[in-house]
Amino acid sequence: MSVRAGEVYRVDWLPGTDVLHGTCHCGAEHTAEDPVAMWDWMLAHPQGHPPVHHVRGRTS
């Protein structure tokens, strides 16, 4: 499987736990203890993670 340019996946380990916190390129977030389950979730995009819409603050 190839990843398209511009898609960034991030997985952080939560110190003091066995928990991984992942953020998909669409902004959806997920936690899991199993690294394989985490990557399965990320690479299944868009199944299981609706995109997160970021609201930008207004400037005056």
PDB file of N, CA and C in Angstrom:
ATOM      1  N   MET A   1       0.844  -1.175   0.000  1.00  0.00           N
ATOM      2  CA  MET A   1       0.000   0.000   0.000  1.00  0.00           C
ATOM      3  C   MET A   1       0.886   1.233   0.000  1.00  0.00           C
ATOM      4  N   SER A   2       0.562   2.199  -0.826  1.00  0.00           N
ATOM      5  CA  SER A   2       1.334   3.437  -0.854  1.00  0.00           C
ATOM      6  C   SER A   2       0.525   4.558  -0.220  1.00  0.00           C
ATOM      7  N   VAL A   3       1.217   5.508   0.335  1.00  0.00           N
ATOM      8  CA  VAL A   3       0.589   6.664   0.960  1.00  0.00           C
ATOM      9  C   VAL A   3       0.752   7.844   0.023  1.00  0.00           C
ATOM     10  N   ARG A   4      -0.352   8.559  -0.221  1.00  0.00           N
ATOM     11  CA  ARG A   4      -0.289   9.731  -1.092  1.00  0.00           C
ATOM     12  C   ARG A   4       0.487  10.853  -0.421  1.00  0.00           C
ATOM     13  N   ALA A   5       1.147  11.638  -1.241  1.00  0.00           N
ATOM     14  CA  ALA A   5       1.912  12.776  -0.723  1.00  0.00           C
ATOM     15  C   ALA A   5       0.990  13.720   0.032  1.00  0.00           C
ATOM     16  N   GLY A   6       1.468  14.248   1.125  1.00  0.00           N
ATOM     17  CA  GLY A   6       0.695  15.203   1.903  1.00  0.00           C
ATOM     18  C   GLY A   6      -0.107  14.578   3.028  1.00  0.00           C
ATOM     19  N   GLU A   7      -0.185  13.249   3.081  1.00  0.00           N
ATOM     20  CA  GLU A   7      -0.914  12.592   4.162  1.00  0.00           C
ATOM     21  C   GLU A   7       0.047  12.348   5.315  1.00  0.00           C
ATOM     22  N   VAL A   8      -0.276  12.906   6.477  1.00  0.00           N
ATOM     23  CA  VAL A   8       0.583  12.762   7.639  1.00  0.00           C
ATOM     24  C   VAL A   8      -0.183  12.015   8.720  1.00  0.00           C
ATOM     25  N   TYR A   9       0.427  10.958   9.212  1.00  0.00           N
ATOM     26  CA  TYR A   9      -0.138  10.174  10.300  1.00  0.00           C
ATOM     27  C   TYR A   9       0.763  10.378  11.511  1.00  0.00           C
ATOM     28  N   ARG A  10       0.148  10.537  12.679  1.00  0.00           N
ATOM     29  CA  ARG A  10       0.947  10.762  13.884  1.00  0.00           C
ATOM     30  C   ARG A  10       0.498   9.794  14.963  1.00  0.00           C
ATOM     31  N   VAL A  11       1.459   9.125  15.584  1.00  0.00           N
ATOM     32  CA  VAL A  11       1.178   8.236  16.707  1.00  0.00           C
ATOM     33  C   VAL A  11       2.072   8.660  17.862  1.00  0.00           C
ATOM     34  N   ASP A  12       1.445   8.961  18.996  1.00  0.00           N
ATOM     35  CA  ASP A  12       2.173   9.335  20.205  1.00  0.00           C
ATOM     36  C   ASP A  12       1.929   8.281  21.271  1.00  0.00           C
ATOM     37  N   TRP A  13       2.938   8.015  22.062  1.00  0.00           N
ATOM     38  CA  TRP A  13       2.805   7.130  23.211  1.00  0.00           C
ATOM     39  C   TRP A  13       2.473   7.997  24.408  1.00  0.00           C
ATOM     40  N   LEU A  14       1.470   7.602  25.180  1.00  0.00           N
ATOM     41  CA  LEU A  14       1.104   8.348  26.378  1.00  0.00           C
ATOM     42  C   LEU A  14       1.970   7.832  27.533  1.00  0.00           C
ATOM     43  N   PRO A  15       2.958   8.611  27.984  1.00  0.00           N
ATOM     44  CA  PRO A  15       3.904   8.163  29.010  1.00  0.00           C
ATOM     45  C   PRO A  15       3.206   7.633  30.260  1.00  0.00           C
ATOM     46  N   GLY A  16       3.773   6.563  30.795  1.00  0.00           N
ATOM     47  CA  GLY A  16       3.220   5.959  32.001  1.00  0.00           C
ATOM     48  C   GLY A  16       2.079   4.995  31.736  1.00  0.00           C
ATOM     49  N   THR A  17       1.757   4.780  30.450  1.00  0.00           N
ATOM     50  CA  THR A  17       0.667   3.878  30.072  1.00  0.00           C
ATOM     51  C   THR A  17       1.138   2.985  28.931  1.00  0.00           C
ATOM     52  N   ASP A  18       0.279   2.065  28.546  1.00  0.00           N
ATOM     53  CA  ASP A  18       0.514   1.249  27.353  1.00  0.00           C
ATOM     54  C   ASP A  18      -0.348   1.749  26.200  1.00  0.00           C
ATOM     55  N   VAL A  19      -0.786   2.996  26.278  1.00  0.00           N
ATOM     56  CA  VAL A  19      -1.747   3.548  25.325  1.00  0.00           C
ATOM     57  C   VAL A  19      -1.043   4.383  24.259  1.00  0.00           C
ATOM     58  N   LEU A  20      -1.469   4.175  23.015  1.00  0.00           N
ATOM     59  CA  LEU A  20      -1.016   4.978  21.886  1.00  0.00           C
ATOM     60  C   LEU A  20      -2.150   5.905  21.479  1.00  0.00           C
ATOM     61  N   HIS A  21      -1.809   7.121  21.124  1.00  0.00           N
ATOM     62  CA  HIS A  21      -2.798   8.094  20.651  1.00  0.00           C
ATOM     63  C   HIS A  21      -2.435   8.439  19.217  1.00  0.00           C
ATOM     64  N   GLY A  22      -3.348   8.156  18.295  1.00  0.00           N
ATOM     65  CA  GLY A  22      -3.083   8.407  16.888  1.00  0.00           C
ATOM     66  C   GLY A  22      -3.944   9.516  16.335  1.00  0.00           C
ATOM     67  N   THR A  23      -3.369  10.266  15.402  1.00  0.00           N
ATOM     68  CA  THR A  23      -4.099  11.307  14.694  1.00  0.00           C
ATOM     69  C   THR A  23      -3.939  11.058  13.205  1.00  0.00           C
ATOM     70  N   CYS A  24      -5.059  10.891  12.519  1.00  0.00           N
ATOM     71  CA  CYS A  24      -5.073  10.648  11.080  1.00  0.00           C
ATOM     72  C   CYS A  24      -4.869  11.969  10.339  1.00  0.00           C
ATOM     73  N   HIS A  25      -4.496  11.877   9.082  1.00  0.00           N
ATOM     74  CA  HIS A  25      -4.311  13.091   8.278  1.00  0.00           C
ATOM     75  C   HIS A  25      -5.595  13.888   8.142  1.00  0.00           C
ATOM     76  N   CYS A  26      -6.766  13.251   8.376  1.00  0.00           N
ATOM     77  CA  CYS A  26      -8.044  13.964   8.284  1.00  0.00           C
ATOM     78  C   CYS A  26      -8.398  14.672   9.585  1.00  0.00           C
ATOM     79  N   GLY A  27      -7.606  14.443  10.646  1.00  0.00           N
ATOM     80  CA  GLY A  27      -7.841  15.091  11.928  1.00  0.00           C
ATOM     81  C   GLY A  27      -8.531  14.207  12.949  1.00  0.00           C
ATOM     82  N   ALA A  28      -9.045  13.049  12.533  1.00  0.00           N
ATOM     83  CA  ALA A  28      -9.695  12.134  13.469  1.00  0.00           C
ATOM     84  C   ALA A  28      -8.652  11.565  14.422  1.00  0.00           C
ATOM     85  N   GLU A  29      -9.076  11.280  15.662  1.00  0.00           N
ATOM     86  CA  GLU A  29      -8.170  10.764  16.673  1.00  0.00           C
ATOM     87  C   GLU A  29      -8.663   9.433  17.205  1.00  0.00           C
ATOM     88  N   HIS A  30      -7.721   8.609  17.686  1.00  0.00           N
ATOM     89  CA  HIS A  30      -8.040   7.262  18.153  1.00  0.00           C
ATOM     90  C   HIS A  30      -6.991   6.851  19.173  1.00  0.00           C
ATOM     91  N   THR A  31      -7.397   6.047  20.159  1.00  0.00           N
ATOM     92  CA  THR A  31      -6.436   5.491  21.102  1.00  0.00           C
ATOM     93  C   THR A  31      -6.523   3.977  21.066  1.00  0.00           C
ATOM     94  N   ALA A  32      -5.396   3.329  21.298  1.00  0.00           N
ATOM     95  CA  ALA A  32      -5.338   1.867  21.310  1.00  0.00           C
ATOM     96  C   ALA A  32      -4.075   1.436  22.038  1.00  0.00           C
ATOM     97  N   GLU A  33      -4.118   0.230  22.609  1.00  0.00           N
ATOM     98  CA  GLU A  33      -2.923  -0.326  23.237  1.00  0.00           C
ATOM     99  C   GLU A  33      -2.106  -1.139  22.247  1.00  0.00           C
ATOM    100  N   ASP A  34      -2.740  -1.619  21.197  1.00  0.00           N
ATOM    101  CA  ASP A  34      -2.082  -2.477  20.208  1.00  0.00           C
ATOM    102  C   ASP A  34      -1.623  -1.644  19.011  1.00  0.00           C
ATOM    103  N   PRO A  35      -0.311  -1.590  18.740  1.00  0.00           N
ATOM    104  CA  PRO A  35       0.168  -0.787  17.612  1.00  0.00           C
ATOM    105  C   PRO A  35      -0.379  -1.250  16.266  1.00  0.00           C
ATOM    106  N   VAL A  36      -0.587  -2.550  16.101  1.00  0.00           N
ATOM    107  CA  VAL A  36      -1.141  -3.053  14.837  1.00  0.00           C
ATOM    108  C   VAL A  36      -2.568  -2.555  14.661  1.00  0.00           C
ATOM    109  N   ALA A  37      -3.361  -2.579  15.731  1.00  0.00           N
ATOM    110  CA  ALA A  37      -4.740  -2.073  15.663  1.00  0.00           C
ATOM    111  C   ALA A  37      -4.752  -0.584  15.333  1.00  0.00           C
ATOM    112  N   MET A  38      -3.782   0.152  15.889  1.00  0.00           N
ATOM    113  CA  MET A  38      -3.703   1.590  15.609  1.00  0.00           C
ATOM    114  C   MET A  38      -3.455   1.834  14.127  1.00  0.00           C
ATOM    115  N   TRP A  39      -2.468   1.152  13.551  1.00  0.00           N
ATOM    116  CA  TRP A  39      -2.160   1.363  12.140  1.00  0.00           C
ATOM    117  C   TRP A  39      -3.264   0.832  11.241  1.00  0.00           C
ATOM    118  N   ASP A  40      -3.925  -0.250  11.621  1.00  0.00           N
ATOM    119  CA  ASP A  40      -5.075  -0.729  10.845  1.00  0.00           C
ATOM    120  C   ASP A  40      -6.152   0.344  10.789  1.00  0.00           C
ATOM    121  N   TRP A  41      -6.410   0.996  11.931  1.00  0.00           N
ATOM    122  CA  TRP A  41      -7.419   2.057  11.980  1.00  0.00           C
ATOM    123  C   TRP A  41      -7.009   3.224  11.084  1.00  0.00           C
ATOM    124  N   MET A  42      -5.754   3.651  11.192  1.00  0.00           N
ATOM    125  CA  MET A  42      -5.305   4.789  10.385  1.00  0.00           C
ATOM    126  C   MET A  42      -5.362   4.501   8.894  1.00  0.00           C
ATOM    127  N   LEU A  43      -4.864   3.354   8.503  1.00  0.00           N
ATOM    128  CA  LEU A  43      -4.782   3.042   7.078  1.00  0.00           C
ATOM    129  C   LEU A  43      -6.128   2.658   6.475  1.00  0.00           C
ATOM    130  N   ALA A  44      -7.154   2.476   7.308  1.00  0.00           N
ATOM    131  CA  ALA A  44      -8.497   2.176   6.814  1.00  0.00           C
ATOM    132  C   ALA A  44      -9.240   3.447   6.398  1.00  0.00           C
ATOM    133  N   HIS A  45      -8.607   4.612   6.549  1.00  0.00           N
ATOM    134  CA  HIS A  45      -9.248   5.891   6.203  1.00  0.00           C
ATOM    135  C   HIS A  45      -9.946   5.795   4.852  1.00  0.00           C
ATOM    136  N   PRO A  46     -11.179   6.236   4.720  1.00  0.00           N
ATOM    137  CA  PRO A  46     -11.973   7.021   5.651  1.00  0.00           C
ATOM    138  C   PRO A  46     -12.900   6.186   6.531  1.00  0.00           C
ATOM    139  N   GLN A  47     -12.827   4.868   6.474  1.00  0.00           N
ATOM    140  CA  GLN A  47     -13.716   4.035   7.289  1.00  0.00           C
ATOM    141  C   GLN A  47     -13.373   4.192   8.763  1.00  0.00           C
ATOM    142  N   GLY A  48     -14.387   4.533   9.560  1.00  0.00           N
ATOM    143  CA  GLY A  48     -14.187   4.618  10.994  1.00  0.00           C
ATOM    144  C   GLY A  48     -13.729   5.955  11.517  1.00  0.00           C
ATOM    145  N   HIS A  49     -13.460   6.903  10.643  1.00  0.00           N
ATOM    146  CA  HIS A  49     -13.092   8.214  11.151  1.00  0.00           C
ATOM    147  C   HIS A  49     -13.593   9.321  10.244  1.00  0.00           C
ATOM    148  N   PRO A  50     -14.694   9.946  10.714  1.00  0.00           N
ATOM    149  CA  PRO A  50     -15.198  11.110   9.984  1.00  0.00           C
ATOM    150  C   PRO A  50     -14.204  12.263  10.126  1.00  0.00           C
ATOM    151  N   PRO A  51     -14.058  13.078   9.090  1.00  0.00           N
ATOM    152  CA  PRO A  51     -13.114  14.194   9.171  1.00  0.00           C
ATOM    153  C   PRO A  51     -13.490  15.186  10.265  1.00  0.00           C
ATOM    154  N   VAL A  52     -12.494  15.761  10.872  1.00  0.00           N
ATOM    155  CA  VAL A  52     -12.692  16.771  11.899  1.00  0.00           C
ATOM    156  C   VAL A  52     -12.600  18.128  11.222  1.00  0.00           C
ATOM    157  N   HIS A  53     -13.590  18.970  11.450  1.00  0.00           N
ATOM    158  CA  HIS A  53     -13.589  20.308  10.856  1.00  0.00           C
ATOM    159  C   HIS A  53     -13.082  21.292  11.896  1.00  0.00           C
ATOM    160  N   HIS A  54     -11.994  21.944  11.583  1.00  0.00           N
ATOM    161  CA  HIS A  54     -11.403  22.915  12.498  1.00  0.00           C
ATOM    162  C   HIS A  54     -12.032  24.282  12.253  1.00  0.00           C
ATOM    163  N   VAL A  55     -12.402  24.949  13.345  1.00  0.00           N
ATOM    164  CA  VAL A  55     -12.965  26.290  13.256  1.00  0.00           C
ATOM    165  C   VAL A  55     -11.847  27.273  13.559  1.00  0.00           C
ATOM    166  N   ARG A  56     -11.616  28.161  12.636  1.00  0.00           N
ATOM    167  CA  ARG A  56     -10.558  29.156  12.829  1.00  0.00           C
ATOM    168  C   ARG A  56     -11.122  30.384  13.522  1.00  0.00           C
ATOM    169  N   GLY A  57     -10.316  30.943  14.408  1.00  0.00           N
ATOM    170  CA  GLY A  57     -10.729  32.147  15.115  1.00  0.00           C
ATOM    171  C   GLY A  57     -10.774  33.345  14.181  1.00  0.00           C
ATOM    172  N   ARG A  58     -11.644  34.266  14.511  1.00  0.00           N
ATOM    173  CA  ARG A  58     -11.751  35.478  13.698  1.00  0.00           C
ATOM    174  C   ARG A  58     -10.775  36.524  14.212  1.00  0.00           C
ATOM    175  N   THR A  59     -10.306  37.342  13.306  1.00  0.00           N
ATOM    176  CA  THR A  59      -9.459  38.470  13.699  1.00  0.00           C
ATOM    177  C   THR A  59     -10.183  39.752  13.342  1.00  0.00           C
ATOM    178  N   SER A  60      -9.946  40.799  14.131  1.00  0.00           N
ATOM    179  CA  SER A  60     -10.627  42.061  13.833  1.00  0.00           C
ATOM    180  C   SER A  60      -9.698  43.077  13.246  1.00  0.00           C
TER     181      SER A  60
END
